[in-house]
PDB file of N, CA and C in Angstrom:
ATOM      1  N   MET A   1      39.035 -56.615   8.171  1.00  0.00           N
ATOM      2  CA  MET A   1      37.903 -56.497   9.054  1.00  0.00           C
ATOM      3  C   MET A   1      37.632 -55.015   9.327  1.00  0.00           C
ATOM      4  N   ILE A   2      36.512 -54.529   8.880  1.00  0.00           N
ATOM      5  CA  ILE A   2      36.141 -53.125   9.022  1.00  0.00           C
ATOM      6  C   ILE A   2      35.193 -52.974  10.208  1.00  0.00           C
ATOM      7  N   ARG A   3      35.527 -52.031  11.079  1.00  0.00           N
ATOM      8  CA  ARG A   3      34.655 -51.751  12.227  1.00  0.00           C
ATOM      9  C   ARG A   3      33.864 -50.488  11.929  1.00  0.00           C
ATOM     10  N   LYS A   4      32.616 -50.509  12.237  1.00  0.00           N
ATOM     11  CA  LYS A   4      31.771 -49.335  12.044  1.00  0.00           C
ATOM     12  C   LYS A   4      31.419 -48.749  13.408  1.00  0.00           C
ATOM     13  N   PHE A   5      31.582 -47.430  13.491  1.00  0.00           N
ATOM     14  CA  PHE A   5      31.246 -46.720  14.708  1.00  0.00           C
ATOM     15  C   PHE A   5      30.116 -45.752  14.410  1.00  0.00           C
ATOM     16  N   SER A   6      29.211 -45.660  15.322  1.00  0.00           N
ATOM     17  CA  SER A   6      28.123 -44.699  15.132  1.00  0.00           C
ATOM     18  C   SER A   6      28.650 -43.296  15.387  1.00  0.00           C
ATOM     19  N   ILE A   7      28.200 -42.367  14.603  1.00  0.00           N
ATOM     20  CA  ILE A   7      28.634 -40.981  14.715  1.00  0.00           C
ATOM     21  C   ILE A   7      27.500 -40.169  15.313  1.00  0.00           C
ATOM     22  N   TYR A   8      27.830 -39.456  16.372  1.00  0.00           N
ATOM     23  CA  TYR A   8      26.847 -38.580  16.987  1.00  0.00           C
ATOM     24  C   TYR A   8      26.849 -37.279  16.214  1.00  0.00           C
ATOM     25  N   LYS A   9      25.764 -36.965  15.537  1.00  0.00           N
ATOM     26  CA  LYS A   9      25.712 -35.811  14.643  1.00  0.00           C
ATOM     27  C   LYS A   9      25.211 -34.537  15.313  1.00  0.00           C
ATOM     28  N   GLY A  10      24.969 -34.551  16.601  1.00  0.00           N
ATOM     29  CA  GLY A  10      24.472 -33.366  17.273  1.00  0.00           C
ATOM     30  C   GLY A  10      25.543 -32.568  17.982  1.00  0.00           C
ATOM     31  N   LEU A  11      26.799 -32.800  17.638  1.00  0.00           N
ATOM     32  CA  LEU A  11      27.878 -32.113  18.340  1.00  0.00           C
ATOM     33  C   LEU A  11      27.944 -30.629  18.037  1.00  0.00           C
ATOM     34  N   GLN A  12      27.553 -30.209  16.872  1.00  0.00           N
ATOM     35  CA  GLN A  12      27.653 -28.809  16.493  1.00  0.00           C
ATOM     36  C   GLN A  12      26.400 -28.002  16.827  1.00  0.00           C
ATOM     37  N   LYS A  13      25.417 -28.625  17.414  1.00  0.00           N
ATOM     38  CA  LYS A  13      24.187 -27.930  17.767  1.00  0.00           C
ATOM     39  C   LYS A  13      24.345 -27.264  19.142  1.00  0.00           C
ATOM     40  N   PRO A  14      23.712 -26.120  19.353  1.00  0.00           N
ATOM     41  CA  PRO A  14      23.827 -25.472  20.667  1.00  0.00           C
ATOM     42  C   PRO A  14      23.034 -26.223  21.729  1.00  0.00           C
ATOM     43  N   LEU A  15      23.458 -26.067  22.955  1.00  0.00           N
ATOM     44  CA  LEU A  15      22.778 -26.671  24.087  1.00  0.00           C
ATOM     45  C   LEU A  15      21.414 -26.008  24.270  1.00  0.00           C
ATOM     46  N   VAL A  16      20.365 -26.803  24.500  1.00  0.00           N
ATOM     47  CA  VAL A  16      19.014 -26.269  24.658  1.00  0.00           C
ATOM     48  C   VAL A  16      18.469 -26.759  25.994  1.00  0.00           C
ATOM     49  N   TYR A  17      17.935 -25.825  26.789  1.00  0.00           N
ATOM     50  CA  TYR A  17      17.325 -26.179  28.073  1.00  0.00           C
ATOM     51  C   TYR A  17      16.106 -25.295  28.292  1.00  0.00           C
ATOM     52  N   LYS A  18      14.951 -25.914  28.361  1.00  0.00           N
ATOM     53  CA  LYS A  18      13.674 -25.239  28.624  1.00  0.00           C
ATOM     54  C   LYS A  18      13.422 -24.058  27.688  1.00  0.00           C
ATOM     55  N   GLY A  19      13.769 -24.202  26.432  1.00  0.00           N
ATOM     56  CA  GLY A  19      13.530 -23.156  25.457  1.00  0.00           C
ATOM     57  C   GLY A  19      14.668 -22.179  25.280  1.00  0.00           C
ATOM     58  N   PHE A  20      15.646 -22.185  26.177  1.00  0.00           N
ATOM     59  CA  PHE A  20      16.809 -21.315  26.050  1.00  0.00           C
ATOM     60  C   PHE A  20      17.906 -22.055  25.304  1.00  0.00           C
ATOM     61  N   LYS A  21      18.622 -21.340  24.428  1.00  0.00           N
ATOM     62  CA  LYS A  21      19.679 -21.951  23.639  1.00  0.00           C
ATOM     63  C   LYS A  21      21.007 -21.272  23.916  1.00  0.00           C
ATOM     64  N   GLY A  22      22.047 -22.074  24.018  1.00  0.00           N
ATOM     65  CA  GLY A  22      23.420 -21.575  24.100  1.00  0.00           C
ATOM     66  C   GLY A  22      23.664 -20.605  25.230  1.00  0.00           C
ATOM     67  N   LYS A  23      24.136 -19.416  24.894  1.00  0.00           N
ATOM     68  CA  LYS A  23      24.501 -18.422  25.906  1.00  0.00           C
ATOM     69  C   LYS A  23      23.292 -17.890  26.662  1.00  0.00           C
ATOM     70  N   PHE A  24      22.095 -18.050  26.116  1.00  0.00           N
ATOM     71  CA  PHE A  24      20.907 -17.513  26.773  1.00  0.00           C
ATOM     72  C   PHE A  24      20.499 -18.343  27.988  1.00  0.00           C
ATOM     73  N   ILE A  25      21.057 -19.538  28.132  1.00  0.00           N
ATOM     74  CA  ILE A  25      20.849 -20.301  29.365  1.00  0.00           C
ATOM     75  C   ILE A  25      21.475 -19.536  30.525  1.00  0.00           C
ATOM     76  N   GLY A  26      22.670 -19.034  30.313  1.00  0.00           N
ATOM     77  CA  GLY A  26      23.337 -18.225  31.346  1.00  0.00           C
ATOM     78  C   GLY A  26      22.603 -16.937  31.635  1.00  0.00           C
ATOM     79  N   TRP A  27      22.071 -16.323  30.590  1.00  0.00           N
ATOM     80  CA  TRP A  27      21.283 -15.098  30.791  1.00  0.00           C
ATOM     81  C   TRP A  27      20.051 -15.388  31.641  1.00  0.00           C
ATOM     82  N   GLY A  28      19.379 -16.504  31.379  1.00  0.00           N
ATOM     83  CA  GLY A  28      18.185 -16.877  32.144  1.00  0.00           C
ATOM     84  C   GLY A  28      18.522 -17.153  33.599  1.00  0.00           C
ATOM     85  N   ILE A  29      19.612 -17.878  33.840  1.00  0.00           N
ATOM     86  CA  ILE A  29      20.035 -18.153  35.214  1.00  0.00           C
ATOM     87  C   ILE A  29      20.420 -16.861  35.919  1.00  0.00           C
ATOM     88  N   GLY A  30      21.104 -15.983  35.189  1.00  0.00           N
ATOM     89  CA  GLY A  30      21.488 -14.692  35.771  1.00  0.00           C
ATOM     90  C   GLY A  30      20.290 -13.841  36.152  1.00  0.00           C
ATOM     91  N   SER A  31      19.253 -13.844  35.302  1.00  0.00           N
ATOM     92  CA  SER A  31      18.065 -13.061  35.641  1.00  0.00           C
ATOM     93  C   SER A  31      17.335 -13.665  36.842  1.00  0.00           C
ATOM     94  N   LEU A  32      17.339 -14.987  36.959  1.00  0.00           N
ATOM     95  CA  LEU A  32      16.732 -15.617  38.136  1.00  0.00           C
ATOM     96  C   LEU A  32      17.482 -15.245  39.415  1.00  0.00           C
ATOM     97  N   VAL A  33      18.802 -15.345  39.371  1.00  0.00           N
ATOM     98  CA  VAL A  33      19.602 -15.058  40.564  1.00  0.00           C
ATOM     99  C   VAL A  33      19.506 -13.578  40.941  1.00  0.00           C
ATOM    100  N   LEU A  34      19.632 -12.693  39.939  1.00  0.00           N
ATOM    101  CA  LEU A  34      19.536 -11.264  40.253  1.00  0.00           C
ATOM    102  C   LEU A  34      18.151 -10.876  40.764  1.00  0.00           C
ATOM    103  N   GLY A  35      17.111 -11.501  40.223  1.00  0.00           N
ATOM    104  CA  GLY A  35      15.765 -11.228  40.716  1.00  0.00           C
ATOM    105  C   GLY A  35      15.573 -11.681  42.154  1.00  0.00           C
ATOM    106  N   LEU A  36      16.097 -12.861  42.472  1.00  0.00           N
ATOM    107  CA  LEU A  36      15.971 -13.366  43.843  1.00  0.00           C
ATOM    108  C   LEU A  36      16.782 -12.532  44.830  1.00  0.00           C
ATOM    109  N   VAL A  37      18.014 -12.205  44.465  1.00  0.00           N
ATOM    110  CA  VAL A  37      18.854 -11.417  45.379  1.00  0.00           C
ATOM    111  C   VAL A  37      18.302  -9.999  45.536  1.00  0.00           C
ATOM    112  N   GLY A  38      17.934  -9.375  44.420  1.00  0.00           N
ATOM    113  CA  GLY A  38      17.388  -8.016  44.511  1.00  0.00           C
ATOM    114  C   GLY A  38      16.067  -7.963  45.261  1.00  0.00           C
ATOM    115  N   GLY A  39      15.189  -8.911  45.006  1.00  0.00           N
ATOM    116  CA  GLY A  39      13.920  -8.949  45.728  1.00  0.00           C
ATOM    117  C   GLY A  39      14.100  -9.271  47.195  1.00  0.00           C
ATOM    118  N   GLY A  40      15.064 -10.139  47.489  1.00  0.00           N
ATOM    119  CA  GLY A  40      15.350 -10.450  48.892  1.00  0.00           C
ATOM    120  C   GLY A  40      15.883  -9.254  49.641  1.00  0.00           C
ATOM    121  N   LEU A  41      16.793  -8.518  49.006  1.00  0.00           N
ATOM    122  CA  LEU A  41      17.317  -7.315  49.652  1.00  0.00           C
ATOM    123  C   LEU A  41      16.236  -6.261  49.841  1.00  0.00           C
ATOM    124  N   LEU A  42      15.410  -6.071  48.827  1.00  0.00           N
ATOM    125  CA  LEU A  42      14.327  -5.096  48.948  1.00  0.00           C
ATOM    126  C   LEU A  42      13.321  -5.531  50.014  1.00  0.00           C
ATOM    127  N   GLY A  43      13.079  -6.839  50.098  1.00  0.00           N
ATOM    128  CA  GLY A  43      12.153  -7.343  51.111  1.00  0.00           C
ATOM    129  C   GLY A  43      12.669  -7.171  52.526  1.00  0.00           C
ATOM    130  N   THR A  44      13.983  -7.316  52.714  1.00  0.00           N
ATOM    131  CA  THR A  44      14.525  -7.133  54.064  1.00  0.00           C
ATOM    132  C   THR A  44      14.614  -5.657  54.443  1.00  0.00           C
ATOM    133  N   LEU A  45      14.819  -4.800  53.447  1.00  0.00           N
ATOM    134  CA  LEU A  45      14.966  -3.387  53.770  1.00  0.00           C
ATOM    135  C   LEU A  45      13.624  -2.670  53.900  1.00  0.00           C
ATOM    136  N   THR A  46      12.608  -3.107  53.183  1.00  0.00           N
ATOM    137  CA  THR A  46      11.327  -2.390  53.224  1.00  0.00           C
ATOM    138  C   THR A  46      10.220  -3.295  53.751  1.00  0.00           C
ATOM    139  N   ASN A  47       9.574  -4.014  52.856  1.00  0.00           N
ATOM    140  CA  ASN A  47       8.397  -4.789  53.198  1.00  0.00           C
ATOM    141  C   ASN A  47       8.492  -6.140  52.495  1.00  0.00           C
ATOM    142  N   MET A  48       8.022  -7.197  53.152  1.00  0.00           N
ATOM    143  CA  MET A  48       8.092  -8.532  52.574  1.00  0.00           C
ATOM    144  C   MET A  48       7.260  -8.622  51.297  1.00  0.00           C
ATOM    145  N   TYR A  49       6.104  -8.018  51.257  1.00  0.00           N
ATOM    146  CA  TYR A  49       5.238  -8.083  50.080  1.00  0.00           C
ATOM    147  C   TYR A  49       5.824  -7.298  48.910  1.00  0.00           C
ATOM    148  N   LEU A  50       6.426  -6.162  49.205  1.00  0.00           N
ATOM    149  CA  LEU A  50       7.071  -5.386  48.160  1.00  0.00           C
ATOM    150  C   LEU A  50       8.280  -6.138  47.589  1.00  0.00           C
ATOM    151  N   GLY A  51       9.021  -6.817  48.458  1.00  0.00           N
ATOM    152  CA  GLY A  51      10.152  -7.627  48.006  1.00  0.00           C
ATOM    153  C   GLY A  51       9.709  -8.795  47.145  1.00  0.00           C
ATOM    154  N   GLY A  52       8.602  -9.438  47.527  1.00  0.00           N
ATOM    155  CA  GLY A  52       8.076 -10.546  46.723  1.00  0.00           C
ATOM    156  C   GLY A  52       7.580 -10.081  45.369  1.00  0.00           C
ATOM    157  N   LEU A  53       6.912  -8.951  45.357  1.00  0.00           N
ATOM    158  CA  LEU A  53       6.435  -8.393  44.091  1.00  0.00           C
ATOM    159  C   LEU A  53       7.608  -7.992  43.193  1.00  0.00           C
ATOM    160  N   ALA A  54       8.635  -7.399  43.788  1.00  0.00           N
ATOM    161  CA  ALA A  54       9.820  -7.007  43.013  1.00  0.00           C
ATOM    162  C   ALA A  54      10.553  -8.238  42.487  1.00  0.00           C
ATOM    163  N   THR A  55      10.587  -9.309  43.268  1.00  0.00           N
ATOM    164  CA  THR A  55      11.227 -10.552  42.817  1.00  0.00           C
ATOM    165  C   THR A  55      10.512 -11.110  41.601  1.00  0.00           C
ATOM    166  N   ILE A  56       9.208 -11.196  41.669  1.00  0.00           N
ATOM    167  CA  ILE A  56       8.429 -11.737  40.549  1.00  0.00           C
ATOM    168  C   ILE A  56       8.564 -10.842  39.318  1.00  0.00           C
ATOM    169  N   ALA A  57       8.521  -9.531  39.515  1.00  0.00           N
ATOM    170  CA  ALA A  57       8.637  -8.601  38.388  1.00  0.00           C
ATOM    171  C   ALA A  57      10.022  -8.668  37.746  1.00  0.00           C
ATOM    172  N   ALA A  58      11.072  -8.759  38.573  1.00  0.00           N
ATOM    173  CA  ALA A  58      12.434  -8.792  38.034  1.00  0.00           C
ATOM    174  C   ALA A  58      12.698 -10.096  37.281  1.00  0.00           C
ATOM    175  N   ILE A  59      12.228 -11.212  37.812  1.00  0.00           N
ATOM    176  CA  ILE A  59      12.432 -12.501  37.141  1.00  0.00           C
ATOM    177  C   ILE A  59      11.642 -12.549  35.838  1.00  0.00           C
ATOM    178  N   ALA A  60      10.389 -12.115  35.885  1.00  0.00           N
ATOM    179  CA  ALA A  60       9.573 -12.121  34.663  1.00  0.00           C
ATOM    180  C   ALA A  60      10.142 -11.177  33.612  1.00  0.00           C
ATOM    181  N   GLY A  61      10.580 -10.012  34.032  1.00  0.00           N
ATOM    182  CA  GLY A  61      11.171  -9.062  33.089  1.00  0.00           C
ATOM    183  C   GLY A  61      12.477  -9.577  32.502  1.00  0.00           C
ATOM    184  N   GLY A  62      13.315 -10.174  33.320  1.00  0.00           N
ATOM    185  CA  GLY A  62      14.586 -10.709  32.837  1.00  0.00           C
ATOM    186  C   GLY A  62      14.401 -11.863  31.867  1.00  0.00           C
ATOM    187  N   LEU A  63      13.478 -12.769  32.178  1.00  0.00           N
ATOM    188  CA  LEU A  63      13.237 -13.898  31.277  1.00  0.00           C
ATOM    189  C   LEU A  63      12.572 -13.450  29.979  1.00  0.00           C
ATOM    190  N   THR A  64      11.692 -12.455  30.069  1.00  0.00           N
ATOM    191  CA  THR A  64      11.072 -11.917  28.855  1.00  0.00           C
ATOM    192  C   THR A  64      12.110 -11.244  27.972  1.00  0.00           C
ATOM    193  N   TYR A  65      12.999 -10.476  28.574  1.00  0.00           N
ATOM    194  CA  TYR A  65      14.065  -9.841  27.816  1.00  0.00           C
ATOM    195  C   TYR A  65      14.976 -10.889  27.171  1.00  0.00           C
ATOM    196  N   THR A  66      15.269 -11.953  27.900  1.00  0.00           N
ATOM    197  CA  THR A  66      16.120 -13.014  27.366  1.00  0.00           C
ATOM    198  C   THR A  66      15.455 -13.703  26.188  1.00  0.00           C
ATOM    199  N   PHE A  67      14.168 -14.004  26.280  1.00  0.00           N
ATOM    200  CA  PHE A  67      13.453 -14.609  25.152  1.00  0.00           C
ATOM    201  C   PHE A  67      13.426 -13.657  23.955  1.00  0.00           C
ATOM    202  N   TYR A  68      13.267 -12.357  24.201  1.00  0.00           N
ATOM    203  CA  TYR A  68      13.248 -11.376  23.121  1.00  0.00           C
ATOM    204  C   TYR A  68      14.599 -11.323  22.412  1.00  0.00           C
ATOM    205  N   ARG A  69      15.683 -11.313  23.178  1.00  0.00           N
ATOM    206  CA  ARG A  69      17.019 -11.265  22.584  1.00  0.00           C
ATOM    207  C   ARG A  69      17.378 -12.561  21.861  1.00  0.00           C
ATOM    208  N   GLN A  70      16.813 -13.674  22.307  1.00  0.00           N
ATOM    209  CA  GLN A  70      17.106 -14.960  21.698  1.00  0.00           C
ATOM    210  C   GLN A  70      16.509 -15.081  20.302  1.00  0.00           C
ATOM    211  N   LYS A  71      15.443 -14.366  20.038  1.00  0.00           N
ATOM    212  CA  LYS A  71      14.813 -14.444  18.725  1.00  0.00           C
ATOM    213  C   LYS A  71      15.698 -13.900  17.623  1.00  0.00           C
ATOM    214  N   SER A  72      16.628 -12.994  17.953  1.00  0.00           N
ATOM    215  CA  SER A  72      17.506 -12.439  16.924  1.00  0.00           C
ATOM    216  C   SER A  72      18.677 -13.349  16.615  1.00  0.00           C
ATOM    217  N   GLY A  73      18.862 -14.424  17.368  1.00  0.00           N
ATOM    218  CA  GLY A  73      19.918 -15.388  17.077  1.00  0.00           C
ATOM    219  C   GLY A  73      20.950 -15.462  18.183  1.00  0.00           C
ATOM    220  N   LEU A  74      21.793 -16.491  18.091  1.00  0.00           N
ATOM    221  CA  LEU A  74      22.805 -16.695  19.119  1.00  0.00           C
ATOM    222  C   LEU A  74      23.927 -15.671  19.041  1.00  0.00           C
ATOM    223  N   HIS A  75      24.189 -15.159  17.874  1.00  0.00           N
ATOM    224  CA  HIS A  75      25.281 -14.216  17.691  1.00  0.00           C
ATOM    225  C   HIS A  75      24.691 -12.857  17.341  1.00  0.00           C
ATOM    226  N   SER A  76      25.074 -11.847  18.096  1.00  0.00           N
ATOM    227  CA  SER A  76      24.541 -10.517  17.831  1.00  0.00           C
ATOM    228  C   SER A  76      25.256  -9.936  16.611  1.00  0.00           C
ATOM    229  N   LYS A  77      24.509  -9.749  15.569  1.00  0.00           N
ATOM    230  CA  LYS A  77      25.046  -9.231  14.324  1.00  0.00           C
ATOM    231  C   LYS A  77      24.358  -7.908  14.013  1.00  0.00           C
ATOM    232  N   THR A  78      25.116  -7.003  13.468  1.00  0.00           N
ATOM    233  CA  THR A  78      24.505  -5.755  13.035  1.00  0.00           C
ATOM    234  C   THR A  78      24.004  -5.941  11.610  1.00  0.00           C
ATOM    235  N   ARG A  79      22.778  -5.625  11.411  1.00  0.00           N
ATOM    236  CA  ARG A  79      22.171  -5.772  10.089  1.00  0.00           C
ATOM    237  C   ARG A  79      21.902  -4.382   9.526  1.00  0.00           C
ATOM    238  N   SER A  80      22.937  -3.809   8.960  1.00  0.00           N
ATOM    239  CA  SER A  80      22.822  -2.473   8.391  1.00  0.00           C
ATOM    240  C   SER A  80      22.266  -2.573   6.985  1.00  0.00           C
ATOM    241  N   ARG A  81      21.407  -1.658   6.644  1.00  0.00           N
ATOM    242  CA  ARG A  81      20.821  -1.626   5.308  1.00  0.00           C
ATOM    243  C   ARG A  81      21.450  -0.487   4.524  1.00  0.00           C
ATOM    244  N   GLY A  82      21.669  -0.704   3.251  1.00  0.00           N
ATOM    245  CA  GLY A  82      22.224   0.349   2.418  1.00  0.00           C
ATOM    246  C   GLY A  82      23.543  -0.064   1.806  1.00  0.00           C
ATOM    247  N   VAL A  83      24.121   0.850   1.088  1.00  0.00           N
ATOM    248  CA  VAL A  83      25.395   0.633   0.420  1.00  0.00           C
ATOM    249  C   VAL A  83      26.443   1.475   1.131  1.00  0.00           C
ATOM    250  N   PHE A  84      27.523   0.840   1.524  1.00  0.00           N
ATOM    251  CA  PHE A  84      28.581   1.535   2.230  1.00  0.00           C
ATOM    252  C   PHE A  84      29.844   1.506   1.379  1.00  0.00           C
ATOM    253  N   ILE A  85      30.443   2.660   1.181  1.00  0.00           N
ATOM    254  CA  ILE A  85      31.671   2.765   0.409  1.00  0.00           C
ATOM    255  C   ILE A  85      32.773   3.172   1.373  1.00  0.00           C
ATOM    256  N   HIS A  86      33.756   2.300   1.509  1.00  0.00           N
ATOM    257  CA  HIS A  86      34.872   2.567   2.408  1.00  0.00           C
ATOM    258  C   HIS A  86      36.031   3.118   1.594  1.00  0.00           C
ATOM    259  N   SER A  87      36.451   4.309   1.910  1.00  0.00           N
ATOM    260  CA  SER A  87      37.566   4.905   1.178  1.00  0.00           C
ATOM    261  C   SER A  87      38.870   4.361   1.729  1.00  0.00           C
ATOM    262  N   THR A  88      39.847   4.236   0.857  1.00  0.00           N
ATOM    263  CA  THR A  88      41.155   3.766   1.287  1.00  0.00           C
ATOM    264  C   THR A  88      42.024   4.959   1.634  1.00  0.00           C
ATOM    265  N   HIS A  89      42.758   4.808   2.713  1.00  0.00           N
ATOM    266  CA  HIS A  89      43.660   5.873   3.158  1.00  0.00           C
ATOM    267  C   HIS A  89      45.097   5.379   3.043  1.00  0.00           C
ATOM    268  N   LEU A  90      45.438   4.890   1.860  1.00  0.00           N
ATOM    269  CA  LEU A  90      46.783   4.364   1.644  1.00  0.00           C
ATOM    270  C   LEU A  90      47.623   5.415   0.929  1.00  0.00           C
ATOM    271  N   LYS A  91      48.860   5.532   1.359  1.00  0.00           N
ATOM    272  CA  LYS A  91      49.786   6.436   0.710  1.00  0.00           C
ATOM    273  C   LYS A  91      50.822   5.605  -0.028  1.00  0.00           C
ATOM    274  N   GLN A  92      51.214   6.047  -1.197  1.00  0.00           N
ATOM    275  CA  GLN A  92      52.197   5.321  -1.958  1.00  0.00           C
ATOM    276  C   GLN A  92      53.577   5.640  -1.406  1.00  0.00           C
ATOM    277  N   SER A  93      54.341   4.618  -1.157  1.00  0.00           N
ATOM    278  CA  SER A  93      55.678   4.786  -0.617  1.00  0.00           C
ATOM    279  C   SER A  93      56.670   4.903  -1.758  1.00  0.00           C
ATOM    280  N   TYR A  94      57.471   5.941  -1.719  1.00  0.00           N
ATOM    281  CA  TYR A  94      58.484   6.160  -2.768  1.00  0.00           C
ATOM    282  C   TYR A  94      59.880   5.804  -2.268  1.00  0.00           C
ATOM    283  N   ALA A  95      60.000   5.075  -1.203  1.00  0.00           N
ATOM    284  CA  ALA A  95      61.306   4.770  -0.629  1.00  0.00           C
ATOM    285  C   ALA A  95      62.100   3.802  -1.495  1.00  0.00           C
ATOM    286  N   ASN A  96      61.467   2.767  -2.033  1.00  0.00           N
ATOM    287  CA  ASN A  96      62.172   1.752  -2.806  1.00  0.00           C
ATOM    288  C   ASN A  96      61.818   1.873  -4.289  1.00  0.00           C
ATOM    289  N   THR A  97      61.955   3.032  -4.870  1.00  0.00           N
ATOM    290  CA  THR A  97      61.611   3.215  -6.275  1.00  0.00           C
ATOM    291  C   THR A  97      62.841   3.425  -7.153  1.00  0.00           C
ATOM    292  N   SER A  98      64.002   3.057  -6.664  1.00  0.00           N
ATOM    293  CA  SER A  98      65.186   3.204  -7.501  1.00  0.00           C
ATOM    294  C   SER A  98      65.205   2.151  -8.593  1.00  0.00           C
ATOM    295  N   LYS A  99      66.000   2.388  -9.639  1.00  0.00           N
ATOM    296  CA  LYS A  99      65.994   1.510 -10.802  1.00  0.00           C
ATOM    297  C   LYS A  99      66.642   0.162 -10.541  1.00  0.00           C
ATOM    298  N   ASP A 100      67.558   0.089  -9.584  1.00  0.00           N
ATOM    299  CA  ASP A 100      68.206  -1.196  -9.333  1.00  0.00           C
ATOM    300  C   ASP A 100      67.413  -2.071  -8.369  1.00  0.00           C
ATOM    301  N   GLY A 101      66.363  -1.561  -7.772  1.00  0.00           N
ATOM    302  CA  GLY A 101      65.449  -2.352  -6.957  1.00  0.00           C
ATOM    303  C   GLY A 101      65.912  -2.551  -5.528  1.00  0.00           C
ATOM    304  N   ILE A 102      66.963  -1.879  -5.119  1.00  0.00           N
ATOM    305  CA  ILE A 102      67.453  -2.055  -3.752  1.00  0.00           C
ATOM    306  C   ILE A 102      67.154  -0.832  -2.926  1.00  0.00           C
TER     307      ILE A 102
END
């Protein structure tokens, strides 16, 4: 008697929420929290309207930056162009070069 189980094939896919994928969900939440806290502090220290404007600007700027960084992929990779030749800095050891091998 063979039992068949359904396999969930989405296990290796990154988590997606409102257009943000993987680690960028945390970046988006961080920009929201920092914008609210920074705008709130600025609003209490100076003017309520200036604090509100700073809150909106910081949140919009943070989310825009997050969307921009997300376009390059989940993993930050350096994409260098050109040919790179790595020289070896190995020295030959003459310690075990006797004829008997010991």
